[in-house]
Amino acid sequence: MALKSTIFKAELNVADMDRQVYGDFPLTLACHPSETGQRMMLRILVFALHADERLALGRGISTDDEPDLWQKDLAGNIQLWIELGTPEPDRLRKACSRASRVILYAYGDRATPVWWDKHRDTLARFDNLDIFQVSDSDCKALAAFAAPRMTLQCTVSDGEVLASDGERSLSIKPVSLKSE
């Protein structure tokens, strides 16, 4: 019998000083059995960084033709495609051809530098692709916030996120590897 996804609910309050976006975002996340708590919580952090009423969580790790998060305009065109991890360049090439803007949040202190050294030249040609790295220590600290029902406050300023669950707080600033 196949394992089923675990459902998490998050009440996310975002105050993004950089983009002047403020609001509450109720999120329901299906955590696939092969997805770690660190990756799931990274999806929430990335949602906070790009919060918008049209930003949606994709089916993610269980679906090949959807990103982890995406934003479509009213006509159904993909404005923003967000991936997590270290995907093959072909996946990012396809995403860049389908979306106006693509952002990758790579994680894994050992895997990311090797992946970046191998694919840097190939990925440099995609003008609509930004790549950031989130450290293992930040992902691990973020995973400590995971609970079946969460209330999180995220303040974004100068690309840095101050996340709090009311008891703990954490500051995370993804490092830019490539920007438009």
N, C-alpha and C. Protein backbone atom coordinates (compact mmCIF):
# COMPACT_ATOMS: atom_id res chain seq x y z
N MET A 1 0.84 -1.18 0.00
CA MET A 1 0.00 0.00 0.00
C MET A 1 0.89 1.25 0.00
N ALA A 2 0.60 2.17 -0.88
CA ALA A 2 1.39 3.40 -1.01
C ALA A 2 1.10 4.34 0.15
N LEU A 3 2.13 5.03 0.57
CA LEU A 3 1.97 6.02 1.64
C LEU A 3 1.28 7.26 1.07
N LYS A 4 0.47 7.88 1.90
CA LYS A 4 -0.24 9.09 1.46
C LYS A 4 0.47 10.32 1.99
N SER A 5 0.20 11.44 1.35
CA SER A 5 0.75 12.72 1.79
C SER A 5 0.17 13.10 3.14
N THR A 6 0.96 13.83 3.92
CA THR A 6 0.50 14.38 5.19
C THR A 6 0.09 15.82 4.95
N ILE A 7 -1.05 16.20 5.47
CA ILE A 7 -1.56 17.55 5.25
C ILE A 7 -1.14 18.46 6.41
N PHE A 8 -0.62 19.62 6.06
CA PHE A 8 -0.25 20.66 7.02
C PHE A 8 -1.04 21.92 6.68
N LYS A 9 -1.45 22.63 7.70
CA LYS A 9 -2.15 23.90 7.49
C LYS A 9 -1.34 25.00 8.15
N ALA A 10 -1.16 26.09 7.43
CA ALA A 10 -0.37 27.22 7.94
C ALA A 10 -1.17 28.51 7.76
N GLU A 11 -1.23 29.28 8.80
CA GLU A 11 -1.74 30.64 8.73
C GLU A 11 -0.50 31.52 8.64
N LEU A 12 -0.27 32.09 7.48
CA LEU A 12 0.94 32.85 7.22
C LEU A 12 0.61 34.33 7.16
N ASN A 13 1.23 35.11 8.03
CA ASN A 13 1.07 36.56 8.01
C ASN A 13 2.36 37.13 7.43
N VAL A 14 2.22 37.91 6.34
CA VAL A 14 3.39 38.44 5.64
C VAL A 14 3.37 39.96 5.68
N ALA A 15 4.51 40.53 6.03
CA ALA A 15 4.74 41.98 5.92
C ALA A 15 6.01 42.13 5.09
N ASP A 16 5.83 42.37 3.79
CA ASP A 16 6.96 42.48 2.87
C ASP A 16 7.25 43.96 2.64
N MET A 17 8.25 44.47 3.32
CA MET A 17 8.63 45.88 3.21
C MET A 17 9.23 46.21 1.85
N ASP A 18 9.85 45.21 1.20
CA ASP A 18 10.49 45.43 -0.09
C ASP A 18 9.47 45.69 -1.20
N ARG A 19 8.37 44.94 -1.19
CA ARG A 19 7.38 45.04 -2.26
C ARG A 19 6.08 45.71 -1.80
N GLN A 20 6.01 46.12 -0.53
CA GLN A 20 4.81 46.73 0.03
C GLN A 20 3.61 45.79 -0.06
N VAL A 21 3.83 44.52 0.31
CA VAL A 21 2.77 43.51 0.33
C VAL A 21 2.54 43.12 1.78
N TYR A 22 1.29 43.21 2.21
CA TYR A 22 0.92 42.88 3.59
C TYR A 22 -0.35 42.05 3.54
N GLY A 23 -0.37 40.97 4.29
CA GLY A 23 -1.60 40.19 4.31
C GLY A 23 -1.47 38.86 5.02
N ASP A 24 -2.63 38.23 5.15
CA ASP A 24 -2.72 36.90 5.74
C ASP A 24 -2.99 35.91 4.61
N PHE A 25 -2.27 34.80 4.63
CA PHE A 25 -2.39 33.79 3.60
C PHE A 25 -2.59 32.42 4.25
N PRO A 26 -3.81 31.88 4.18
CA PRO A 26 -4.03 30.52 4.70
C PRO A 26 -3.50 29.51 3.67
N LEU A 27 -2.60 28.65 4.09
CA LEU A 27 -1.99 27.67 3.19
C LEU A 27 -2.31 26.25 3.64
N THR A 28 -2.60 25.39 2.68
CA THR A 28 -2.74 23.96 2.93
C THR A 28 -1.67 23.28 2.11
N LEU A 29 -0.78 22.56 2.79
CA LEU A 29 0.34 21.91 2.12
C LEU A 29 0.21 20.40 2.24
N ALA A 30 0.36 19.72 1.13
CA ALA A 30 0.42 18.26 1.13
C ALA A 30 1.91 17.89 1.11
N CYS A 31 2.36 17.31 2.18
CA CYS A 31 3.77 16.90 2.28
C CYS A 31 3.88 15.45 1.79
N HIS A 32 4.43 15.28 0.60
CA HIS A 32 4.61 13.97 -0.01
C HIS A 32 5.50 13.12 0.90
N PRO A 33 5.29 11.80 0.96
CA PRO A 33 6.12 10.96 1.84
C PRO A 33 7.62 11.08 1.60
N SER A 34 8.02 11.43 0.36
CA SER A 34 9.45 11.56 0.08
C SER A 34 9.97 12.98 0.34
N GLU A 35 9.09 13.91 0.72
CA GLU A 35 9.49 15.28 0.99
C GLU A 35 9.86 15.44 2.46
N THR A 36 10.98 16.09 2.71
CA THR A 36 11.40 16.31 4.10
C THR A 36 10.66 17.52 4.69
N GLY A 37 10.66 17.59 6.00
CA GLY A 37 10.08 18.75 6.68
C GLY A 37 10.82 20.02 6.32
N GLN A 38 12.13 19.92 6.09
CA GLN A 38 12.92 21.09 5.70
C GLN A 38 12.45 21.64 4.36
N ARG A 39 12.21 20.76 3.40
CA ARG A 39 11.77 21.19 2.07
C ARG A 39 10.37 21.79 2.14
N MET A 40 9.50 21.16 2.91
CA MET A 40 8.14 21.67 3.03
C MET A 40 8.14 23.07 3.64
N MET A 41 8.93 23.27 4.67
CA MET A 41 8.99 24.58 5.32
C MET A 41 9.67 25.61 4.41
N LEU A 42 10.59 25.15 3.56
CA LEU A 42 11.20 26.05 2.59
C LEU A 42 10.14 26.55 1.61
N ARG A 43 9.18 25.71 1.25
CA ARG A 43 8.09 26.16 0.39
C ARG A 43 7.32 27.31 1.04
N ILE A 44 7.11 27.22 2.35
CA ILE A 44 6.40 28.29 3.06
C ILE A 44 7.24 29.56 3.07
N LEU A 45 8.52 29.43 3.34
CA LEU A 45 9.42 30.59 3.34
C LEU A 45 9.42 31.27 1.98
N VAL A 46 9.52 30.49 0.92
CA VAL A 46 9.54 31.04 -0.43
C VAL A 46 8.19 31.69 -0.75
N PHE A 47 7.10 31.10 -0.27
CA PHE A 47 5.80 31.74 -0.46
C PHE A 47 5.82 33.12 0.19
N ALA A 48 6.36 33.22 1.39
CA ALA A 48 6.42 34.52 2.08
C ALA A 48 7.24 35.53 1.29
N LEU A 49 8.34 35.09 0.67
CA LEU A 49 9.18 35.99 -0.11
C LEU A 49 8.49 36.52 -1.36
N HIS A 50 7.50 35.78 -1.87
CA HIS A 50 6.84 36.16 -3.12
C HIS A 50 5.32 36.28 -2.95
N ALA A 51 4.89 36.47 -1.72
CA ALA A 51 3.46 36.46 -1.39
C ALA A 51 2.65 37.35 -2.33
N ASP A 52 1.56 36.76 -2.81
CA ASP A 52 0.64 37.45 -3.70
C ASP A 52 -0.66 36.65 -3.66
N GLU A 53 -1.78 37.33 -3.87
CA GLU A 53 -3.06 36.62 -3.82
C GLU A 53 -3.18 35.57 -4.93
N ARG A 54 -2.41 35.68 -6.01
CA ARG A 54 -2.47 34.71 -7.10
C ARG A 54 -1.35 33.67 -7.03
N LEU A 55 -0.45 33.79 -6.06
CA LEU A 55 0.62 32.80 -5.91
C LEU A 55 0.00 31.53 -5.33
N ALA A 56 0.31 30.40 -5.96
CA ALA A 56 -0.26 29.13 -5.51
C ALA A 56 0.82 28.08 -5.35
N LEU A 57 0.57 27.17 -4.43
CA LEU A 57 1.44 26.02 -4.25
C LEU A 57 1.12 25.02 -5.35
N GLY A 58 2.14 24.53 -6.03
CA GLY A 58 1.94 23.50 -7.03
C GLY A 58 1.85 22.15 -6.34
N ARG A 59 1.61 21.13 -7.12
CA ARG A 59 1.58 19.78 -6.54
C ARG A 59 3.00 19.31 -6.23
N GLY A 60 3.97 20.10 -6.71
CA GLY A 60 5.36 19.93 -6.31
C GLY A 60 6.00 18.61 -6.62
N ILE A 61 6.61 18.03 -5.63
CA ILE A 61 7.50 16.88 -5.76
C ILE A 61 6.85 15.68 -6.43
N SER A 62 5.52 15.58 -6.38
CA SER A 62 4.84 14.42 -6.95
C SER A 62 4.41 14.63 -8.40
N THR A 63 4.63 15.83 -8.94
CA THR A 63 4.17 16.14 -10.29
C THR A 63 5.31 16.75 -11.10
N ASP A 64 5.60 16.15 -12.25
CA ASP A 64 6.73 16.59 -13.06
C ASP A 64 6.48 17.87 -13.85
N ASP A 65 5.24 18.15 -14.22
CA ASP A 65 4.98 19.28 -15.10
C ASP A 65 4.52 20.54 -14.36
N GLU A 66 4.63 20.55 -13.03
CA GLU A 66 4.28 21.73 -12.25
C GLU A 66 5.45 22.11 -11.35
N PRO A 67 5.57 23.40 -11.06
CA PRO A 67 6.61 23.84 -10.14
C PRO A 67 6.16 23.68 -8.69
N ASP A 68 7.02 24.04 -7.78
CA ASP A 68 6.66 24.02 -6.36
C ASP A 68 5.67 25.14 -6.04
N LEU A 69 5.86 26.30 -6.66
CA LEU A 69 4.93 27.43 -6.53
C LEU A 69 4.84 28.10 -7.89
N TRP A 70 3.69 28.70 -8.16
CA TRP A 70 3.56 29.45 -9.39
C TRP A 70 2.48 30.49 -9.27
N GLN A 71 2.58 31.46 -10.17
CA GLN A 71 1.61 32.55 -10.21
C GLN A 71 1.21 32.76 -11.66
N LYS A 72 -0.10 32.73 -11.88
CA LYS A 72 -0.63 32.94 -13.23
C LYS A 72 -1.42 34.24 -13.26
N ASP A 73 -1.46 34.86 -14.45
CA ASP A 73 -2.29 36.05 -14.61
C ASP A 73 -3.73 35.60 -14.87
N LEU A 74 -4.63 36.56 -15.04
CA LEU A 74 -6.04 36.24 -15.21
C LEU A 74 -6.33 35.47 -16.50
N ALA A 75 -5.44 35.56 -17.47
CA ALA A 75 -5.61 34.83 -18.73
C ALA A 75 -5.02 33.41 -18.65
N GLY A 76 -4.39 33.06 -17.52
CA GLY A 76 -3.81 31.74 -17.36
C GLY A 76 -2.35 31.63 -17.76
N ASN A 77 -1.74 32.75 -18.15
CA ASN A 77 -0.32 32.76 -18.50
C ASN A 77 0.51 32.68 -17.21
N ILE A 78 1.58 31.93 -17.25
CA ILE A 78 2.43 31.77 -16.07
C ILE A 78 3.36 32.97 -15.96
N GLN A 79 3.17 33.75 -14.91
CA GLN A 79 4.02 34.91 -14.66
C GLN A 79 5.28 34.52 -13.89
N LEU A 80 5.11 33.63 -12.91
CA LEU A 80 6.21 33.26 -12.02
C LEU A 80 6.20 31.75 -11.79
N TRP A 81 7.35 31.14 -11.98
CA TRP A 81 7.54 29.69 -11.80
C TRP A 81 8.66 29.55 -10.78
N ILE A 82 8.39 28.90 -9.65
CA ILE A 82 9.40 28.76 -8.59
C ILE A 82 9.69 27.28 -8.34
N GLU A 83 10.96 26.93 -8.43
CA GLU A 83 11.43 25.57 -8.17
C GLU A 83 12.28 25.55 -6.91
N LEU A 84 12.33 24.38 -6.27
CA LEU A 84 13.22 24.16 -5.13
C LEU A 84 14.15 23.00 -5.45
N GLY A 85 15.38 23.08 -4.97
CA GLY A 85 16.32 21.98 -5.14
C GLY A 85 17.38 22.26 -6.18
N THR A 86 17.84 21.21 -6.83
CA THR A 86 18.87 21.31 -7.86
C THR A 86 18.42 20.51 -9.09
N PRO A 87 17.45 21.05 -9.83
CA PRO A 87 16.90 20.33 -10.98
C PRO A 87 17.87 20.31 -12.16
N GLU A 88 17.58 19.44 -13.10
CA GLU A 88 18.35 19.39 -14.33
C GLU A 88 18.11 20.66 -15.13
N PRO A 89 19.11 21.15 -15.85
CA PRO A 89 18.95 22.36 -16.66
C PRO A 89 17.79 22.28 -17.66
N ASP A 90 17.50 21.09 -18.18
CA ASP A 90 16.38 20.95 -19.12
C ASP A 90 15.06 21.35 -18.49
N ARG A 91 14.87 21.01 -17.23
CA ARG A 91 13.64 21.39 -16.52
C ARG A 91 13.55 22.91 -16.41
N LEU A 92 14.67 23.55 -16.09
CA LEU A 92 14.69 25.01 -15.98
C LEU A 92 14.53 25.66 -17.35
N ARG A 93 15.09 25.06 -18.40
CA ARG A 93 14.91 25.58 -19.75
C ARG A 93 13.44 25.57 -20.13
N LYS A 94 12.77 24.47 -19.86
CA LYS A 94 11.33 24.37 -20.16
C LYS A 94 10.55 25.40 -19.36
N ALA A 95 10.90 25.55 -18.08
CA ALA A 95 10.21 26.53 -17.24
C ALA A 95 10.41 27.94 -17.78
N CYS A 96 11.64 28.25 -18.21
CA CYS A 96 11.94 29.59 -18.75
C CYS A 96 11.17 29.86 -20.03
N SER A 97 10.86 28.83 -20.79
CA SER A 97 10.09 29.04 -22.01
C SER A 97 8.59 29.16 -21.73
N ARG A 98 8.15 28.67 -20.58
CA ARG A 98 6.72 28.71 -20.24
C ARG A 98 6.33 29.91 -19.38
N ALA A 99 7.28 30.46 -18.63
CA ALA A 99 6.97 31.51 -17.65
C ALA A 99 7.74 32.79 -17.94
N SER A 100 7.17 33.90 -17.54
CA SER A 100 7.85 35.19 -17.69
C SER A 100 9.08 35.27 -16.81
N ARG A 101 8.98 34.70 -15.62
CA ARG A 101 10.10 34.74 -14.66
C ARG A 101 10.18 33.39 -13.96
N VAL A 102 11.41 32.89 -13.78
CA VAL A 102 11.65 31.62 -13.10
C VAL A 102 12.64 31.88 -11.97
N ILE A 103 12.34 31.34 -10.81
CA ILE A 103 13.25 31.48 -9.67
C ILE A 103 13.50 30.09 -9.10
N LEU A 104 14.76 29.81 -8.85
CA LEU A 104 15.16 28.55 -8.23
C LEU A 104 15.74 28.85 -6.86
N TYR A 105 15.28 28.13 -5.86
CA TYR A 105 15.86 28.17 -4.52
C TYR A 105 16.54 26.83 -4.30
N ALA A 106 17.86 26.84 -4.43
CA ALA A 106 18.66 25.63 -4.25
C ALA A 106 18.98 25.47 -2.77
N TYR A 107 19.03 24.24 -2.32
CA TYR A 107 19.41 23.96 -0.95
C TYR A 107 20.28 22.71 -0.94
N GLY A 108 21.04 22.56 0.10
CA GLY A 108 22.01 21.46 0.20
C GLY A 108 23.41 22.03 0.10
N ASP A 109 24.05 22.24 1.24
CA ASP A 109 25.37 22.87 1.27
C ASP A 109 26.42 22.09 0.48
N ARG A 110 26.28 20.79 0.39
CA ARG A 110 27.26 20.00 -0.36
C ARG A 110 26.87 19.86 -1.83
N ALA A 111 25.57 19.66 -2.10
CA ALA A 111 25.13 19.41 -3.47
C ALA A 111 25.08 20.67 -4.32
N THR A 112 24.65 21.79 -3.74
CA THR A 112 24.44 23.00 -4.53
C THR A 112 25.73 23.51 -5.20
N PRO A 113 26.85 23.63 -4.49
CA PRO A 113 28.07 24.12 -5.18
C PRO A 113 28.50 23.21 -6.34
N VAL A 114 28.38 21.91 -6.17
CA VAL A 114 28.75 20.97 -7.23
C VAL A 114 27.81 21.15 -8.42
N TRP A 115 26.49 21.23 -8.14
CA TRP A 115 25.48 21.44 -9.19
C TRP A 115 25.72 22.77 -9.90
N TRP A 116 26.00 23.83 -9.14
CA TRP A 116 26.19 25.16 -9.72
C TRP A 116 27.44 25.20 -10.61
N ASP A 117 28.54 24.61 -10.15
CA ASP A 117 29.77 24.57 -10.96
C ASP A 117 29.54 23.82 -12.27
N LYS A 118 28.75 22.78 -12.22
CA LYS A 118 28.49 21.96 -13.40
C LYS A 118 27.57 22.67 -14.41
N HIS A 119 26.58 23.44 -13.92
CA HIS A 119 25.55 23.98 -14.80
C HIS A 119 25.56 25.50 -14.96
N ARG A 120 26.48 26.17 -14.33
CA ARG A 120 26.53 27.64 -14.36
C ARG A 120 26.50 28.20 -15.78
N ASP A 121 27.36 27.70 -16.66
CA ASP A 121 27.44 28.23 -18.02
C ASP A 121 26.16 27.99 -18.81
N THR A 122 25.58 26.83 -18.64
CA THR A 122 24.32 26.51 -19.34
C THR A 122 23.20 27.42 -18.88
N LEU A 123 23.11 27.66 -17.57
CA LEU A 123 22.02 28.45 -17.01
C LEU A 123 22.20 29.95 -17.20
N ALA A 124 23.41 30.38 -17.50
CA ALA A 124 23.69 31.81 -17.67
C ALA A 124 22.92 32.41 -18.84
N ARG A 125 22.56 31.61 -19.82
CA ARG A 125 21.89 32.14 -21.00
C ARG A 125 20.41 32.44 -20.79
N PHE A 126 19.83 32.00 -19.67
CA PHE A 126 18.41 32.23 -19.41
C PHE A 126 18.25 33.57 -18.68
N ASP A 127 17.80 34.58 -19.44
CA ASP A 127 17.67 35.93 -18.89
C ASP A 127 16.57 36.06 -17.84
N ASN A 128 15.58 35.20 -17.89
CA ASN A 128 14.46 35.30 -16.95
C ASN A 128 14.58 34.34 -15.76
N LEU A 129 15.80 33.89 -15.48
CA LEU A 129 16.06 32.94 -14.39
C LEU A 129 16.90 33.57 -13.29
N ASP A 130 16.41 33.49 -12.06
CA ASP A 130 17.16 33.88 -10.87
C ASP A 130 17.40 32.64 -10.04
N ILE A 131 18.58 32.55 -9.42
CA ILE A 131 18.91 31.40 -8.59
C ILE A 131 19.43 31.89 -7.24
N PHE A 132 18.87 31.32 -6.18
CA PHE A 132 19.28 31.63 -4.81
C PHE A 132 19.63 30.34 -4.10
N GLN A 133 20.46 30.45 -3.08
CA GLN A 133 20.79 29.29 -2.25
C GLN A 133 20.39 29.57 -0.81
N VAL A 134 19.78 28.56 -0.19
CA VAL A 134 19.42 28.61 1.23
C VAL A 134 20.27 27.57 1.93
N SER A 135 20.94 27.96 3.00
CA SER A 135 21.87 27.07 3.68
C SER A 135 21.16 25.94 4.43
N ASP A 136 21.88 24.86 4.64
CA ASP A 136 21.35 23.72 5.39
C ASP A 136 20.97 24.13 6.81
N SER A 137 21.78 24.96 7.43
CA SER A 137 21.49 25.36 8.81
C SER A 137 20.19 26.17 8.87
N ASP A 138 19.95 27.02 7.87
CA ASP A 138 18.69 27.77 7.82
C ASP A 138 17.50 26.84 7.59
N CYS A 139 17.66 25.88 6.69
CA CYS A 139 16.57 24.92 6.42
C CYS A 139 16.26 24.09 7.65
N LYS A 140 17.30 23.68 8.35
CA LYS A 140 17.11 22.86 9.55
C LYS A 140 16.40 23.67 10.64
N ALA A 141 16.81 24.91 10.85
CA ALA A 141 16.17 25.76 11.85
C ALA A 141 14.72 26.04 11.46
N LEU A 142 14.45 26.22 10.19
CA LEU A 142 13.10 26.46 9.70
C LEU A 142 12.22 25.24 9.91
N ALA A 143 12.77 24.04 9.73
CA ALA A 143 12.01 22.80 9.90
C ALA A 143 11.50 22.64 11.34
N ALA A 144 12.17 23.26 12.29
CA ALA A 144 11.74 23.18 13.69
C ALA A 144 10.38 23.85 13.90
N PHE A 145 9.97 24.71 12.97
CA PHE A 145 8.68 25.40 13.06
C PHE A 145 7.53 24.51 12.60
N ALA A 146 7.83 23.39 11.95
CA ALA A 146 6.79 22.55 11.34
C ALA A 146 5.87 21.95 12.39
N ALA A 147 4.59 22.04 12.11
CA ALA A 147 3.55 21.45 12.96
C ALA A 147 2.33 21.26 12.06
N PRO A 148 1.47 20.29 12.40
CA PRO A 148 0.28 20.07 11.56
C PRO A 148 -0.56 21.34 11.37
N ARG A 149 -0.62 22.18 12.38
CA ARG A 149 -1.29 23.49 12.28
C ARG A 149 -0.30 24.53 12.77
N MET A 150 0.03 25.49 11.90
CA MET A 150 1.05 26.48 12.21
C MET A 150 0.49 27.88 12.03
N THR A 151 0.99 28.79 12.85
CA THR A 151 0.75 30.21 12.65
C THR A 151 2.13 30.86 12.59
N LEU A 152 2.44 31.44 11.44
CA LEU A 152 3.76 32.02 11.23
C LEU A 152 3.65 33.47 10.79
N GLN A 153 4.55 34.30 11.31
CA GLN A 153 4.66 35.69 10.88
C GLN A 153 6.00 35.82 10.16
N CYS A 154 5.96 36.43 8.99
CA CYS A 154 7.18 36.63 8.21
C CYS A 154 7.27 38.10 7.80
N THR A 155 8.37 38.71 8.18
CA THR A 155 8.65 40.08 7.77
C THR A 155 9.82 40.03 6.80
N VAL A 156 9.63 40.64 5.63
CA VAL A 156 10.66 40.63 4.59
C VAL A 156 11.19 42.05 4.44
N SER A 157 12.51 42.18 4.52
CA SER A 157 13.15 43.47 4.33
C SER A 157 14.54 43.25 3.75
N ASP A 158 14.84 43.92 2.64
CA ASP A 158 16.13 43.78 1.95
C ASP A 158 16.44 42.32 1.60
N GLY A 159 15.40 41.56 1.21
CA GLY A 159 15.59 40.18 0.81
C GLY A 159 15.77 39.21 1.95
N GLU A 160 15.72 39.69 3.18
CA GLU A 160 15.88 38.86 4.36
C GLU A 160 14.52 38.62 4.99
N VAL A 161 14.29 37.41 5.46
CA VAL A 161 13.02 37.05 6.08
C VAL A 161 13.24 36.82 7.57
N LEU A 162 12.46 37.52 8.38
CA LEU A 162 12.42 37.26 9.81
C LEU A 162 11.13 36.48 10.04
N ALA A 163 11.27 35.19 10.37
CA ALA A 163 10.13 34.31 10.58
C ALA A 163 9.97 34.04 12.07
N SER A 164 8.72 33.99 12.51
CA SER A 164 8.43 33.73 13.91
C SER A 164 7.15 32.92 14.03
N ASP A 165 7.13 32.03 15.01
CA ASP A 165 5.92 31.27 15.31
C ASP A 165 5.33 31.69 16.65
N GLY A 166 5.78 32.81 17.18
CA GLY A 166 5.30 33.30 18.46
C GLY A 166 6.20 32.89 19.62
N GLU A 167 6.91 31.79 19.47
CA GLU A 167 7.83 31.31 20.51
C GLU A 167 9.29 31.46 20.08
N ARG A 168 9.52 31.23 18.79
CA ARG A 168 10.88 31.28 18.25
C ARG A 168 10.91 32.24 17.08
N SER A 169 12.09 32.73 16.77
CA SER A 169 12.24 33.53 15.57
C SER A 169 13.54 33.13 14.87
N LEU A 170 13.56 33.42 13.59
CA LEU A 170 14.67 33.00 12.75
C LEU A 170 14.83 34.00 11.63
N SER A 171 16.06 34.36 11.32
CA SER A 171 16.34 35.27 10.21
C SER A 171 17.05 34.49 9.11
N ILE A 172 16.50 34.59 7.89
CA ILE A 172 17.06 33.87 6.74
C ILE A 172 17.20 34.83 5.56
N LYS A 173 18.38 34.83 4.95
CA LYS A 173 18.59 35.62 3.74
C LYS A 173 19.19 34.72 2.67
N PRO A 174 18.37 34.30 1.69
CA PRO A 174 18.91 33.48 0.61
C PRO A 174 20.04 34.23 -0.12
N VAL A 175 21.06 33.48 -0.51
CA VAL A 175 22.22 34.04 -1.20
C VAL A 175 21.99 33.95 -2.72
N SER A 176 22.15 35.06 -3.41
CA SER A 176 21.95 35.10 -4.85
C SER A 176 23.14 34.46 -5.58
N LEU A 177 22.84 33.47 -6.43
CA LEU A 177 23.86 32.88 -7.29
C LEU A 177 23.77 33.45 -8.70
N LYS A 178 22.55 33.81 -9.12
CA LYS A 178 22.33 34.37 -10.45
C LYS A 178 21.07 35.22 -10.38
N SER A 179 21.16 36.43 -10.93
CA SER A 179 19.96 37.27 -10.98
C SER A 179 19.85 37.89 -12.36
N GLU A 180 18.62 38.27 -12.71
CA GLU A 180 18.32 38.84 -14.04
C GLU A 180 19.18 40.04 -14.32
